Protein backbone atom coordinates (compact mmCIF):
# COMPACT_ATOMS: atom_id res chain seq x y z
CA MET A 1 0.00 0.00 0.00
CA LYS A 2 2.84 2.39 0.90
CA LEU A 3 4.55 1.58 -2.38
CA LEU A 4 1.39 2.35 -4.36
CA LEU A 5 0.88 5.65 -2.53
CA SER A 6 4.52 6.62 -3.07
CA LEU A 7 4.28 5.79 -6.76
CA LEU A 8 1.11 7.86 -7.19
CA LEU A 9 2.67 10.84 -5.41
CA TRP A 10 5.83 10.57 -7.52
CA ILE A 11 3.81 10.45 -10.74
CA ASN A 12 1.78 13.48 -9.66
CA PHE A 13 4.85 15.59 -8.84
CA ALA A 14 6.89 14.30 -11.79
CA GLY A 15 4.12 15.26 -14.20
CA THR A 16 3.83 18.87 -13.03
CA PRO A 17 6.64 21.10 -14.28
CA ASP A 18 8.32 23.64 -12.01
CA LEU A 19 6.96 27.15 -12.67
CA ALA A 20 10.36 28.79 -12.21
CA ALA A 21 11.87 26.47 -14.84
CA ILE A 22 8.97 27.12 -17.21
CA ARG A 23 9.39 30.89 -16.83
CA LYS A 24 13.10 30.59 -17.59
CA MET A 25 12.45 28.46 -20.68
CA TYR A 26 9.71 30.77 -21.94
CA THR A 27 12.06 33.69 -22.47
CA ASP A 28 13.99 31.71 -25.11
CA VAL A 29 11.31 29.47 -26.60
CA ALA A 30 10.63 31.48 -29.75
CA LYS A 31 14.31 31.64 -30.70
CA SER A 32 14.46 28.18 -32.28
CA GLU A 33 12.42 25.16 -33.20
CA THR A 34 14.50 23.07 -30.79
CA ASN A 35 13.61 25.38 -27.89
CA SER A 36 9.96 25.24 -28.94
CA LYS A 37 9.92 21.44 -29.04
CA GLU A 38 11.65 21.20 -25.63
CA PHE A 39 9.11 23.63 -24.16
CA ILE A 40 6.14 21.73 -25.57
CA GLU A 41 7.60 18.48 -24.25
CA LYS A 42 8.11 19.96 -20.78
CA LEU A 43 4.43 20.97 -20.71
CA SER A 44 3.00 17.85 -22.34
CA GLY A 45 1.75 16.46 -19.02
CA VAL A 46 -0.19 19.62 -18.14
CA SER A 47 -3.96 19.18 -18.36
CA ASN A 48 -6.76 21.74 -18.27
CA ASN A 49 -7.32 20.87 -14.59
CA ASP A 50 -3.80 21.92 -13.55
CA ASP A 51 -2.65 25.32 -12.30
CA LYS A 52 -4.03 27.83 -14.81
CA ILE A 53 -0.64 29.52 -15.20
CA LEU A 54 0.83 26.24 -16.42
CA VAL A 55 -2.16 25.77 -18.72
CA ALA A 56 -1.51 29.25 -20.14
CA TYR A 57 2.14 28.36 -20.78
CA LYS A 58 0.97 25.15 -22.47
CA ALA A 59 -1.31 27.24 -24.70
CA ALA A 60 1.63 29.51 -25.50
CA SER A 61 3.74 26.47 -26.34
CA ILE A 62 1.13 25.34 -28.86
CA LEU A 63 0.92 28.83 -30.36
CA LEU A 64 4.69 29.11 -30.61
CA ASP A 65 5.03 25.62 -32.02
CA SER A 66 2.55 26.49 -34.78
CA LYS A 67 5.20 28.88 -36.10
CA PHE A 68 7.35 25.89 -37.05
CA GLU A 69 4.63 23.86 -38.78
CA SER A 70 5.40 23.48 -42.48
CA VAL A 71 1.90 22.59 -43.70
CA LEU A 72 -0.38 25.65 -43.74
CA GLY A 73 -3.45 23.70 -42.58
CA SER A 74 -1.54 22.29 -39.60
CA LYS A 75 -0.10 25.72 -38.82
CA ILE A 76 -3.58 27.28 -38.72
CA SER A 77 -5.07 24.39 -36.75
CA ARG A 78 -2.32 24.49 -34.08
CA PHE A 79 -2.56 28.26 -33.84
CA LYS A 80 -6.33 28.13 -33.30
CA GLU A 81 -5.92 25.34 -30.73
CA GLY A 82 -3.41 27.38 -28.73
CA ALA A 83 -5.39 30.61 -28.94
CA LYS A 84 -8.60 28.87 -27.83
CA LEU A 85 -6.84 27.29 -24.85
CA LEU A 86 -5.21 30.58 -23.84
CA GLU A 87 -8.48 32.49 -24.09
CA SER A 88 -10.34 29.89 -22.01
CA THR A 89 -7.59 30.10 -19.39
CA ILE A 90 -7.89 33.88 -19.23
CA LYS A 91 -11.66 33.57 -19.01
CA SER A 92 -11.29 31.28 -15.98
CA GLU A 93 -8.76 33.61 -14.27
CA PRO A 94 -9.19 37.11 -15.73
CA ASN A 95 -7.29 38.79 -12.88
CA ASN A 96 -4.13 36.71 -13.21
CA ILE A 97 -1.36 39.09 -14.28
CA GLU A 98 1.00 36.35 -15.46
CA ILE A 99 -1.59 34.85 -17.78
CA ARG A 100 -2.23 38.35 -19.16
CA MET A 101 1.51 38.77 -19.71
CA ILE A 102 1.64 35.47 -21.59
CA ARG A 103 -1.20 36.57 -23.89
CA LEU A 104 0.42 39.97 -24.44
CA SER A 105 3.76 38.34 -25.29
CA ILE A 106 2.03 36.17 -27.88
CA GLN A 107 -0.19 38.90 -29.36
CA GLU A 108 2.61 41.42 -29.77
CA ASN A 109 4.61 38.91 -31.82
CA VAL A 110 2.04 37.24 -34.07
CA PRO A 111 1.44 38.55 -37.58
CA GLY A 112 -1.52 40.89 -37.93
CA ILE A 113 -3.11 38.56 -40.46
CA THR A 114 -3.92 36.12 -37.63
CA GLY A 115 -6.42 38.56 -36.14
CA TYR A 116 -5.10 37.64 -32.70
CA ARG A 117 -3.91 41.06 -31.57
CA LYS A 118 -7.05 42.60 -30.11
CA ASN A 119 -6.13 42.48 -26.39
CA ILE A 120 -2.77 44.26 -26.42
CA LYS A 121 -4.02 47.56 -24.96
CA GLU A 122 -6.22 45.78 -22.41
CA ASP A 123 -3.36 43.56 -21.19
CA LYS A 124 -0.88 46.45 -21.08
CA LYS A 125 -3.33 48.45 -18.97
CA PHE A 126 -3.92 45.48 -16.64
CA ILE A 127 -0.20 44.81 -16.17
CA THR A 128 0.52 48.49 -15.54
CA ALA A 129 -2.32 48.76 -13.00
CA HIS A 130 -1.48 45.59 -11.04
CA TYR A 131 2.30 45.36 -11.26
CA ALA A 132 2.97 46.94 -7.84
CA GLU A 133 0.74 44.35 -6.10
CA GLN A 134 2.87 41.35 -7.15
CA ASN A 135 5.44 39.41 -5.12
CA GLY A 136 9.19 39.87 -5.69
CA ALA A 137 9.89 36.96 -8.05
CA LEU A 138 6.88 37.65 -10.23
CA LYS A 139 7.63 41.37 -10.22
CA ASP A 140 11.17 40.67 -11.49
CA TYR A 141 9.82 38.38 -14.20
CA LEU A 142 7.22 40.95 -15.29
CA LYS A 143 9.83 43.71 -15.23
CA ASP A 144 12.11 41.74 -17.56
CA PHE A 145 9.17 41.20 -19.91
CA VAL A 146 8.05 44.83 -19.91
CA LEU A 147 11.56 46.17 -20.51
CA GLN A 148 11.98 44.06 -23.67
CA SER A 149 8.37 44.33 -24.85
CA LYS A 150 7.56 46.02 -28.14
CA SER A 151 4.12 47.02 -26.83
CA PHE A 152 5.33 49.42 -24.13
CA SER A 153 6.92 52.73 -25.09
CA GLU A 154 9.99 53.95 -23.19
CA LYS A 155 7.76 56.32 -21.25
CA GLU A 156 5.29 53.53 -20.41
CA LYS A 157 8.11 51.31 -19.15
CA GLN A 158 8.86 53.74 -16.31
CA PHE A 159 6.42 52.00 -13.93
CA VAL A 160 8.80 49.02 -13.59
CA LYS A 161 11.98 51.03 -13.01
């Protein structure tokens, strides 16, 4: 019985990726197909019932992976799958600043033709308004994002400095 319980606990913890590791990987995921594939693999065990931040990163991994699809139909299908998952995650936790940051990071980098750029102003406003309320590690992560973001002007970036 103890062995079975230990095995179940190990599987549960082994299947859930470490958020700090995911955040670190996310900053480099779009740089190469290899990074994208490693990121998607790291998040493959995440289900819709897991922590919504991890679900949002899984959605981002699908969206980013669609960039490397060679068949147009597959590219569009993967993109729609990732966008749908990300939007449902935001709908379930609309006040989660990290999930908003993930969506903003995706939307500011996708081509306009996708039509998936409509929440940039909304997410910028949310991040700006709620940044000061966050804990130290998340604040640092958000600061790094904002400082490299194309969506924030130099003047707008002052709130993180």
